[in-house]
């Protein structure tokens, strides 16, 4: 079910301040974000004093997924994410043992926008935007934790619960990830088409979206870059083919396996396959480590595609 953008967007005043918090740099809005270090009380960041509860450390999978979501969004809306390591940027994410508030709440986004003048201008140094997440202090990343991350990032970028009611029975998280109602396929781990449309109306479309050239319908990968290459519009049914530089794979192995859960993705890291496609996130990973743990020093997230892609060996050409 499609949802009107107005039902899942924050009010105009809040969106204006968010756009000031993430100022325009050329054709994109710069989204600088930080990950709160272990031991720091997130309450200090609200400038209202500490809560007495220290943040937990983000594990590598959690930090990578946050980056992956923002980088993937950057291919669909006009934002440019940038991780700030100095703790000075006003947008921060914290992993906590317990989110303040209701017992069944696993994520919360809070903000304070301090302004001056008329019309109001944001004072970034006196404002904050904070996401607190119960990610548990353990390895891995469950689909429920992925859902919480995507949901709260939606809030940070200007989305709200549908009609202001997260439990509205007319919607599930397949209609909008901002709904608390879980669809039949389990928790959503990406934004719906309605969500993406609403985000694009807030931030605009990328100035240079990936488009097909006049004589080819192929997409090419020659290198692994941080956050993966974002391919929007890749459609094998229309004849698109993914070209991959064979030199990316050591030993010449060109096997592809597909998984559909975080658990299977972790197991696939120990497989002999050189490529692992996660159908739940439409993400393609490069395994340079063989059967050893992890993706290896030359491996990792290779590419991210539009939701719902079914990537097969026949869609890949090694060049």
Protein backbone atom coordinates (compact mmCIF):
# COMPACT_ATOMS: atom_id res chain seq x y z
CA UNK A 1 0.00 0.00 0.00
CA UNK A 2 1.39 3.38 -0.98
CA UNK A 3 1.43 6.07 1.71
CA UNK A 4 1.25 9.79 1.00
CA UNK A 5 4.52 11.52 1.84
CA UNK A 6 2.74 13.93 4.18
CA UNK A 7 1.69 11.07 6.46
CA UNK A 8 5.28 10.01 7.14
CA UNK A 9 7.13 13.34 7.00
CA UNK A 10 7.86 15.62 9.92
CA UNK A 11 6.27 19.07 9.97
CA UNK A 12 7.68 21.80 7.74
CA UNK A 13 9.37 23.64 10.61
CA UNK A 14 11.29 20.56 11.75
CA UNK A 15 12.36 19.75 8.19
CA UNK A 16 13.68 23.28 7.74
CA UNK A 17 15.86 22.89 10.85
CA UNK A 18 17.06 19.44 9.77
CA UNK A 19 18.16 20.91 6.44
CA UNK A 20 20.14 23.51 8.38
CA UNK A 21 21.67 20.82 10.59
CA UNK A 22 22.75 18.97 7.44
CA UNK A 23 23.78 21.94 5.28
CA UNK A 24 23.97 21.88 1.52
CA UNK A 25 27.40 21.28 0.03
CA UNK A 26 27.11 21.72 -3.70
CA UNK A 27 24.41 19.35 -4.91
CA UNK A 28 24.10 17.30 -1.70
CA UNK A 29 23.31 17.80 1.98
CA UNK A 30 26.25 16.84 4.18
CA UNK A 31 25.13 14.34 6.84
CA UNK A 32 27.97 14.25 9.36
CA UNK A 33 27.41 11.64 12.05
CA UNK A 34 29.35 10.19 14.94
CA UNK A 35 29.30 6.90 16.85
CA UNK A 36 29.44 7.50 20.59
CA UNK A 37 32.48 5.83 22.12
CA UNK A 38 32.11 3.14 24.77
CA UNK A 39 31.98 4.55 28.27
CA UNK A 40 30.59 7.96 27.29
CA UNK A 41 27.24 8.89 28.84
CA UNK A 42 24.93 9.79 25.91
CA UNK A 43 23.03 12.11 28.22
CA UNK A 44 26.02 14.46 28.21
CA UNK A 45 25.46 14.98 24.49
CA UNK A 46 21.99 16.42 25.18
CA UNK A 47 23.62 19.22 27.18
CA UNK A 48 21.18 18.45 29.97
CA UNK A 49 23.55 16.45 32.13
CA UNK A 50 24.38 12.76 32.18
CA UNK A 51 21.95 9.94 32.80
CA UNK A 52 24.54 7.79 34.56
CA UNK A 53 24.44 5.08 31.87
CA UNK A 54 27.57 4.62 29.76
CA UNK A 55 27.36 3.81 26.06
CA UNK A 56 28.39 0.39 24.82
CA UNK A 57 30.85 -0.16 21.99
CA UNK A 58 29.47 -0.65 18.49
CA UNK A 59 30.65 -3.99 17.12
CA UNK A 60 32.06 -4.04 13.55
CA UNK A 61 28.82 -5.38 12.04
CA UNK A 62 26.73 -2.65 13.67
CA UNK A 63 29.04 0.16 12.59
CA UNK A 64 29.27 -1.26 9.06
CA UNK A 65 25.49 -1.58 8.74
CA UNK A 66 24.94 2.05 9.79
CA UNK A 67 27.45 3.15 7.20
CA UNK A 68 25.92 0.84 4.59
CA UNK A 69 22.41 2.25 5.13
CA UNK A 70 23.60 5.85 4.80
CA UNK A 71 25.81 5.14 1.78
CA UNK A 72 23.00 3.25 0.11
CA UNK A 73 20.63 6.14 0.73
CA UNK A 74 23.21 8.48 -0.81
CA UNK A 75 22.59 6.75 -4.14
CA UNK A 76 18.86 7.45 -3.89
CA UNK A 77 18.56 10.87 -2.22
CA UNK A 78 20.81 13.92 -2.34
CA UNK A 79 22.80 13.38 0.87
CA UNK A 80 26.50 12.85 1.45
CA UNK A 81 27.20 10.91 4.67
CA UNK A 82 30.45 11.53 6.47
CA UNK A 83 31.65 9.86 9.67
CA UNK A 84 33.17 12.35 12.10
CA UNK A 85 35.60 10.85 14.57
CA UNK A 86 36.15 13.89 16.78
CA UNK A 87 32.75 13.74 18.49
CA UNK A 88 32.09 17.35 17.59
CA UNK A 89 29.24 16.89 15.10
CA UNK A 90 25.75 17.38 16.58
CA UNK A 91 24.33 14.14 15.08
CA UNK A 92 25.40 11.11 17.13
CA UNK A 93 24.38 7.45 17.45
CA UNK A 94 24.85 5.52 20.69
CA UNK A 95 24.56 1.84 21.57
CA UNK A 96 23.03 1.59 25.03
CA UNK A 97 21.99 -1.17 27.40
CA UNK A 98 18.55 0.38 27.88
CA UNK A 99 16.77 3.06 25.91
CA UNK A 100 15.06 5.62 28.19
CA UNK A 101 11.30 5.33 28.20
CA UNK A 102 9.00 2.38 27.58
CA UNK A 103 10.21 -1.13 28.34
CA UNK A 104 9.54 -2.41 24.81
CA UNK A 105 11.34 0.48 23.10
CA UNK A 106 14.59 -0.60 21.39
CA UNK A 107 15.43 2.70 19.70
CA UNK A 108 14.83 6.38 20.28
CA UNK A 109 15.69 9.57 18.44
CA UNK A 110 15.78 12.79 20.45
CA UNK A 111 16.68 16.29 19.40
CA UNK A 112 16.98 19.86 20.50
CA UNK A 113 17.20 22.60 17.90
CA UNK A 114 18.37 25.95 19.28
CA UNK A 115 17.69 28.88 16.97
CA UNK A 116 18.30 32.59 16.74
CA UNK A 117 16.66 35.41 14.83
CA UNK A 118 13.57 35.67 12.67
CA UNK A 119 13.29 33.66 10.51
CA UNK A 120 14.93 31.19 12.89
CA UNK A 121 18.47 30.10 12.08
CA UNK A 122 19.82 26.94 13.66
CA UNK A 123 22.77 27.19 16.04
CA UNK A 124 24.47 23.82 15.38
CA UNK A 125 26.95 24.12 18.25
CA UNK A 126 24.06 24.38 20.71
CA UNK A 127 21.80 21.80 19.05
CA UNK A 128 21.85 18.02 18.96
CA UNK A 129 20.30 15.01 17.25
CA UNK A 130 20.81 11.75 19.13
CA UNK A 131 19.85 8.17 18.24
CA UNK A 132 20.01 5.63 21.08
CA UNK A 133 19.78 1.95 20.17
CA UNK A 134 19.56 -1.26 22.20
CA UNK A 135 21.91 -3.36 20.09
CA UNK A 136 23.02 -5.68 22.89
CA UNK A 137 26.66 -6.07 23.80
CA UNK A 138 27.31 -9.14 21.66
CA UNK A 139 28.68 -10.04 18.21
CA UNK A 140 26.58 -9.96 15.05
CA UNK A 141 23.51 -7.98 14.10
CA UNK A 142 19.98 -9.40 14.13
CA UNK A 143 17.21 -8.42 11.72
CA UNK A 144 15.41 -6.77 14.64
CA UNK A 145 18.47 -4.63 15.31
CA UNK A 146 18.73 -3.78 11.60
CA UNK A 147 15.08 -2.75 11.67
CA UNK A 148 15.68 -0.47 14.66
CA UNK A 149 18.68 1.19 12.98
CA UNK A 150 16.81 1.88 9.73
CA UNK A 151 13.72 3.10 11.62
CA UNK A 152 15.70 5.56 13.76
CA UNK A 153 17.76 6.81 10.82
CA UNK A 154 14.42 7.49 9.15
CA UNK A 155 13.50 9.73 12.09
CA UNK A 156 16.86 11.51 11.91
CA UNK A 157 16.33 12.27 8.23
CA UNK A 158 12.84 13.65 8.65
CA UNK A 159 10.41 10.72 8.70
CA UNK A 160 7.78 10.16 11.39
CA UNK A 161 5.36 7.39 12.35
CA UNK A 162 2.48 7.06 9.85
CA UNK A 163 -0.02 9.76 10.74
CA UNK A 164 1.78 10.12 14.06
CA UNK A 165 0.65 6.63 15.15
CA UNK A 166 3.29 3.86 14.91
CA UNK A 167 0.68 1.20 15.69
CA UNK A 168 -1.92 2.26 13.11
CA UNK A 169 -3.39 -1.13 12.06
CA UNK A 170 -3.73 0.01 8.45
CA UNK A 171 0.02 -0.22 7.94
CA UNK A 172 2.94 -2.57 8.54
CA UNK A 173 6.66 -1.95 8.24
CA UNK A 174 6.39 -3.20 4.66
CA UNK A 175 4.27 -0.11 3.90
CA UNK A 176 6.65 2.11 5.85
CA UNK A 177 9.56 1.14 8.07
CA UNK A 178 8.27 3.84 10.42
CA UNK A 179 5.42 1.49 11.48
CA UNK A 180 5.78 -0.70 14.57
CA UNK A 181 3.60 -3.40 13.00
CA UNK A 182 5.79 -6.17 11.59
CA UNK A 183 4.84 -7.67 8.23
CA UNK A 184 4.36 -11.37 7.55
CA UNK A 185 7.95 -11.75 6.29
CA UNK A 186 9.50 -10.51 9.52
CA UNK A 187 10.91 -7.09 10.37
CA UNK A 188 11.78 -4.80 7.45
CA UNK A 189 15.47 -3.97 7.13
CA UNK A 190 15.16 -1.30 4.46
CA UNK A 191 12.92 1.61 3.58
CA UNK A 192 9.73 1.07 1.59
CA UNK A 193 9.10 2.77 -1.73
CA UNK A 194 6.85 5.24 0.11
CA UNK A 195 9.63 5.97 2.59
CA UNK A 196 12.14 6.58 -0.19
CA UNK A 197 9.70 8.83 -2.01
CA UNK A 198 9.15 10.88 1.15
CA UNK A 199 12.90 11.13 1.79
CA UNK A 200 13.50 12.22 -1.78
CA UNK A 201 10.89 14.96 -1.44
CA UNK A 202 12.76 16.19 1.68
CA UNK A 203 16.35 16.00 0.40
CA UNK A 204 15.93 15.85 -3.36
CA UNK A 205 17.20 13.31 -5.87
CA UNK A 206 20.93 12.78 -6.46
CA UNK A 207 22.30 15.25 -8.98
CA UNK A 208 24.03 12.48 -10.90
CA UNK A 209 21.95 9.30 -10.62
CA UNK A 210 23.32 6.23 -12.31
CA UNK A 211 21.82 5.97 -15.79
CA UNK A 212 22.33 3.64 -18.67
CA UNK A 213 24.52 4.84 -21.50
CA UNK A 214 23.20 4.96 -25.04
CA UNK A 215 25.04 1.84 -26.18
CA UNK A 216 25.30 -0.36 -23.09
CA UNK A 217 23.14 -1.60 -20.25
CA UNK A 218 25.96 -2.96 -18.09
CA UNK A 219 27.25 -1.84 -14.71
CA UNK A 220 30.93 -2.27 -13.89
CA UNK A 221 32.97 -2.91 -10.73
CA UNK A 222 36.72 -2.35 -10.92
CA UNK A 223 37.48 -1.70 -7.26
CA UNK A 224 36.14 -2.15 -3.75
CA UNK A 225 35.37 1.22 -2.16
CA UNK A 226 34.32 2.07 1.38
CA UNK A 227 30.59 1.53 1.79
CA UNK A 228 30.31 -0.32 -1.52
CA UNK A 229 29.31 0.98 -4.94
CA UNK A 230 25.62 1.92 -5.06
CA UNK A 231 23.83 0.76 -8.21
CA UNK A 232 20.35 2.22 -8.65
CA UNK A 233 18.21 0.94 -11.50
CA UNK A 234 20.08 -2.32 -12.16
CA UNK A 235 17.54 -4.69 -13.73
CA UNK A 236 18.72 -8.00 -15.22
CA UNK A 237 15.28 -8.60 -16.73
CA UNK A 238 15.92 -5.59 -18.97
CA UNK A 239 19.26 -7.01 -20.05
CA UNK A 240 21.51 -5.33 -17.48
CA UNK A 241 24.69 -7.23 -16.61
CA UNK A 242 27.09 -6.65 -13.77
CA UNK A 243 30.68 -6.49 -15.04
CA UNK A 244 33.29 -7.37 -12.42
CA UNK A 245 37.02 -6.98 -12.90
CA UNK A 246 38.44 -10.50 -12.55
CA UNK A 247 41.51 -9.12 -10.78
CA UNK A 248 39.36 -8.38 -7.73
CA UNK A 249 39.21 -12.12 -7.00
CA UNK A 250 42.33 -13.94 -5.92
CA UNK A 251 42.84 -17.39 -7.36
CA UNK A 252 40.30 -16.85 -10.12
CA UNK A 253 37.33 -18.38 -8.27
CA UNK A 254 34.07 -16.95 -9.57
CA UNK A 255 31.48 -18.70 -7.44
CA UNK A 256 28.39 -16.79 -6.24
CA UNK A 257 26.18 -17.89 -3.35
CA UNK A 258 22.98 -16.22 -2.12
CA UNK A 259 21.83 -15.85 1.48
CA UNK A 260 18.79 -14.22 3.04
CA UNK A 261 19.61 -13.71 6.72
CA UNK A 262 22.30 -12.26 8.95
CA UNK A 263 23.08 -15.73 10.30
CA UNK A 264 23.60 -17.19 6.82
CA UNK A 265 25.70 -14.17 5.84
CA UNK A 266 28.08 -14.82 8.74
CA UNK A 267 28.32 -18.49 7.79
CA UNK A 268 29.01 -17.53 4.18
CA UNK A 269 32.14 -15.70 5.30
CA UNK A 270 33.71 -19.13 5.80
CA UNK A 271 32.65 -20.44 2.40
CA UNK A 272 34.91 -20.86 -0.67
CA UNK A 273 32.63 -18.56 -2.69
CA UNK A 274 34.22 -15.33 -3.88
CA UNK A 275 30.89 -13.48 -4.03
CA UNK A 276 28.07 -13.55 -1.48
CA UNK A 277 24.77 -11.83 -2.24
CA UNK A 278 22.52 -11.00 0.71
CA UNK A 279 18.95 -10.97 -0.62
CA UNK A 280 17.60 -9.34 2.56
CA UNK A 281 19.65 -6.17 1.98
CA UNK A 282 20.41 -6.46 -1.78
CA UNK A 283 24.11 -6.23 -0.89
CA UNK A 284 26.95 -8.00 -2.71
CA UNK A 285 30.01 -8.92 -0.65
CA UNK A 286 33.50 -9.87 -1.85
CA UNK A 287 35.11 -12.74 0.06
CA UNK A 288 38.91 -12.62 -0.23
CA UNK A 289 39.52 -14.81 2.81
CA UNK A 290 38.42 -18.23 1.59
CA UNK A 291 37.17 -20.39 4.44
CA UNK A 292 38.80 -18.22 7.11
CA UNK A 293 36.63 -15.89 9.24
CA UNK A 294 35.69 -12.51 7.84
CA UNK A 295 35.85 -11.13 4.32
CA UNK A 296 39.62 -10.66 4.33
CA UNK A 297 41.76 -7.56 3.94
CA UNK A 298 40.82 -7.13 0.29
CA UNK A 299 37.17 -8.04 0.75
CA UNK A 300 34.00 -6.56 2.19
CA UNK A 301 30.88 -4.81 0.92
CA UNK A 302 31.27 -4.58 -2.84
CA UNK A 303 27.96 -3.21 -4.12
CA UNK A 304 24.42 -2.34 -3.02
CA UNK A 305 21.38 -2.58 -5.30
CA UNK A 306 17.73 -1.57 -5.19
CA UNK A 307 15.57 -3.65 -2.79
CA UNK A 308 14.14 -6.89 -4.15
CA UNK A 309 16.91 -7.77 -6.60
CA UNK A 310 17.51 -11.49 -7.27
CA UNK A 311 21.12 -11.58 -8.43
CA UNK A 312 22.24 -14.75 -10.20
CA UNK A 313 25.46 -16.01 -11.74
CA UNK A 314 24.04 -15.47 -15.21
CA UNK A 315 23.73 -11.73 -14.45
CA UNK A 316 27.49 -11.39 -13.90
CA UNK A 317 30.24 -11.01 -16.49
CA UNK A 318 33.89 -11.27 -15.48
CA UNK A 319 36.09 -8.89 -17.44
